Amino acid sequence: MTVGARAARWIIVGSVVVGLALTVYATSYWLFPTSFQLQERLPDGSINPRAWADLLVSYVLALGCFAVAGWVGVQRLRTRRR
């Protein structure tokens, strides 16, 4: 299955942008927590298990986006060499 050059470029750019956005979102939870996020913490200051799940899902989705961008990029390079 081949994808056109223009479509491949948009898939790569879109995947990288979404992956970066998810990474920034999850990382900002640690670096710059909002007041709402601080309220969600448990009384001892640890992170709520729901928040852990949210962060884990964000990082996994970001990794998936980067994997899609890499796979489409490799396929694009292979078709260009032929």
C-alpha atoms as a PDB file:
ATOM      1  CA  MET A   1       0.000   0.000   0.000  1.00  0.00           C
ATOM      2  CA  THR A   2       1.553   3.258  -1.088  1.00  0.00           C
ATOM      3  CA  VAL A   3       0.645   6.724  -0.016  1.00  0.00           C
ATOM      4  CA  GLY A   4       1.190   9.771  -2.185  1.00  0.00           C
ATOM      5  CA  ALA A   5       4.090  12.068  -1.380  1.00  0.00           C
ATOM      6  CA  ARG A   6       1.840  14.908  -0.278  1.00  0.00           C
ATOM      7  CA  ALA A   7      -0.311  12.649   1.907  1.00  0.00           C
ATOM      8  CA  ALA A   8       2.792  11.054   3.417  1.00  0.00           C
ATOM      9  CA  ARG A   9       4.174  14.466   4.265  1.00  0.00           C
ATOM     10  CA  TRP A  10       0.940  15.470   6.011  1.00  0.00           C
ATOM     11  CA  ILE A  11       0.804  12.184   7.915  1.00  0.00           C
ATOM     12  CA  ILE A  12       4.382  12.656   9.103  1.00  0.00           C
ATOM     13  CA  VAL A  13       3.888  16.289  10.111  1.00  0.00           C
ATOM     14  CA  GLY A  14       0.539  15.597  11.779  1.00  0.00           C
ATOM     15  CA  SER A  15       1.865  12.601  13.697  1.00  0.00           C
ATOM     16  CA  VAL A  16       4.908  14.492  14.935  1.00  0.00           C
ATOM     17  CA  VAL A  17       2.822  17.513  15.989  1.00  0.00           C
ATOM     18  CA  VAL A  18       0.289  15.365  17.859  1.00  0.00           C
ATOM     19  CA  GLY A  19       3.089  13.314  19.448  1.00  0.00           C
ATOM     20  CA  LEU A  20       4.870  16.450  20.607  1.00  0.00           C
ATOM     21  CA  ALA A  21       1.635  17.917  21.960  1.00  0.00           C
ATOM     22  CA  LEU A  22       0.922  14.770  23.967  1.00  0.00           C
ATOM     23  CA  THR A  23       4.491  14.677  25.267  1.00  0.00           C
ATOM     24  CA  VAL A  24       4.359  18.334  26.306  1.00  0.00           C
ATOM     25  CA  TYR A  25       0.987  17.782  27.996  1.00  0.00           C
ATOM     26  CA  ALA A  26       2.221  14.806  30.008  1.00  0.00           C
ATOM     27  CA  THR A  27       5.567  16.404  30.852  1.00  0.00           C
ATOM     28  CA  SER A  28       3.957  19.694  31.901  1.00  0.00           C
ATOM     29  CA  TYR A  29       2.049  17.732  34.542  1.00  0.00           C
ATOM     30  CA  TRP A  30       5.398  17.212  36.263  1.00  0.00           C
ATOM     31  CA  LEU A  31       7.046  20.555  35.522  1.00  0.00           C
ATOM     32  CA  PHE A  32       4.171  23.059  35.693  1.00  0.00           C
ATOM     33  CA  PRO A  33       1.183  21.497  37.450  1.00  0.00           C
ATOM     34  CA  THR A  34      -2.000  23.557  37.354  1.00  0.00           C
ATOM     35  CA  SER A  35      -4.018  24.235  40.474  1.00  0.00           C
ATOM     36  CA  PHE A  36      -6.557  21.625  39.330  1.00  0.00           C
ATOM     37  CA  GLN A  37      -3.823  19.019  38.981  1.00  0.00           C
ATOM     38  CA  LEU A  38      -2.490  19.898  42.400  1.00  0.00           C
ATOM     39  CA  GLN A  39      -5.978  19.467  43.877  1.00  0.00           C
ATOM     40  CA  GLU A  40      -6.143  15.973  42.364  1.00  0.00           C
ATOM     41  CA  ARG A  41      -3.099  14.854  44.321  1.00  0.00           C
ATOM     42  CA  LEU A  42      -3.576  12.619  47.303  1.00  0.00           C
ATOM     43  CA  PRO A  43      -3.224  14.058  50.841  1.00  0.00           C
ATOM     44  CA  ASP A  44       0.353  12.810  51.123  1.00  0.00           C
ATOM     45  CA  GLY A  45       1.279  14.693  47.924  1.00  0.00           C
ATOM     46  CA  SER A  46       1.537  11.645  45.696  1.00  0.00           C
ATOM     47  CA  ILE A  47      -0.133  11.476  42.312  1.00  0.00           C
ATOM     48  CA  ASN A  48      -3.621  10.045  42.022  1.00  0.00           C
ATOM     49  CA  PRO A  49      -3.742   6.652  40.220  1.00  0.00           C
ATOM     50  CA  ARG A  50      -6.172   8.121  37.647  1.00  0.00           C
ATOM     51  CA  ALA A  51      -3.575  10.758  36.840  1.00  0.00           C
ATOM     52  CA  TRP A  52      -0.927   8.044  36.444  1.00  0.00           C
ATOM     53  CA  ALA A  53      -3.177   6.291  33.948  1.00  0.00           C
ATOM     54  CA  ASP A  54      -3.751   9.554  32.077  1.00  0.00           C
ATOM     55  CA  LEU A  55      -0.023  10.237  31.862  1.00  0.00           C
ATOM     56  CA  LEU A  56       0.745   6.690  30.781  1.00  0.00           C
ATOM     57  CA  VAL A  57      -1.884   6.823  28.035  1.00  0.00           C
ATOM     58  CA  SER A  58      -0.513  10.184  26.854  1.00  0.00           C
ATOM     59  CA  TYR A  59       3.033   8.855  26.620  1.00  0.00           C
ATOM     60  CA  VAL A  60       1.918   5.644  24.870  1.00  0.00           C
ATOM     61  CA  LEU A  61      -0.159   7.598  22.344  1.00  0.00           C
ATOM     62  CA  ALA A  62       2.779   9.952  21.739  1.00  0.00           C
ATOM     63  CA  LEU A  63       5.059   6.968  21.175  1.00  0.00           C
ATOM     64  CA  GLY A  64       2.505   5.556  18.736  1.00  0.00           C
ATOM     65  CA  CYS A  65       2.379   8.851  16.848  1.00  0.00           C
ATOM     66  CA  PHE A  66       6.157   8.924  16.544  1.00  0.00           C
ATOM     67  CA  ALA A  67       6.142   5.290  15.388  1.00  0.00           C
ATOM     68  CA  VAL A  68       3.572   6.102  12.680  1.00  0.00           C
ATOM     69  CA  ALA A  69       5.606   9.107  11.538  1.00  0.00           C
ATOM     70  CA  GLY A  70       8.766   6.990  11.401  1.00  0.00           C
ATOM     71  CA  TRP A  71       7.086   4.140   9.556  1.00  0.00           C
ATOM     72  CA  VAL A  72       5.542   6.444   6.953  1.00  0.00           C
ATOM     73  CA  GLY A  73       8.875   8.222   6.567  1.00  0.00           C
ATOM     74  CA  VAL A  74      10.709   4.945   5.973  1.00  0.00           C
ATOM     75  CA  GLN A  75       8.092   3.834   3.450  1.00  0.00           C
ATOM     76  CA  ARG A  76       8.403   7.162   1.673  1.00  0.00           C
ATOM     77  CA  LEU A  77      12.190   6.805   1.476  1.00  0.00           C
ATOM     78  CA  ARG A  78      11.878   3.255   0.142  1.00  0.00           C
ATOM     79  CA  THR A  79       9.486   4.294  -2.623  1.00  0.00           C
ATOM     80  CA  ARG A  80      11.685   7.271  -3.528  1.00  0.00           C
ATOM     81  CA  ARG A  81      14.730   4.997  -4.026  1.00  0.00           C
ATOM     82  CA  ARG A  82      12.918   2.646  -6.382  1.00  0.00           C
END
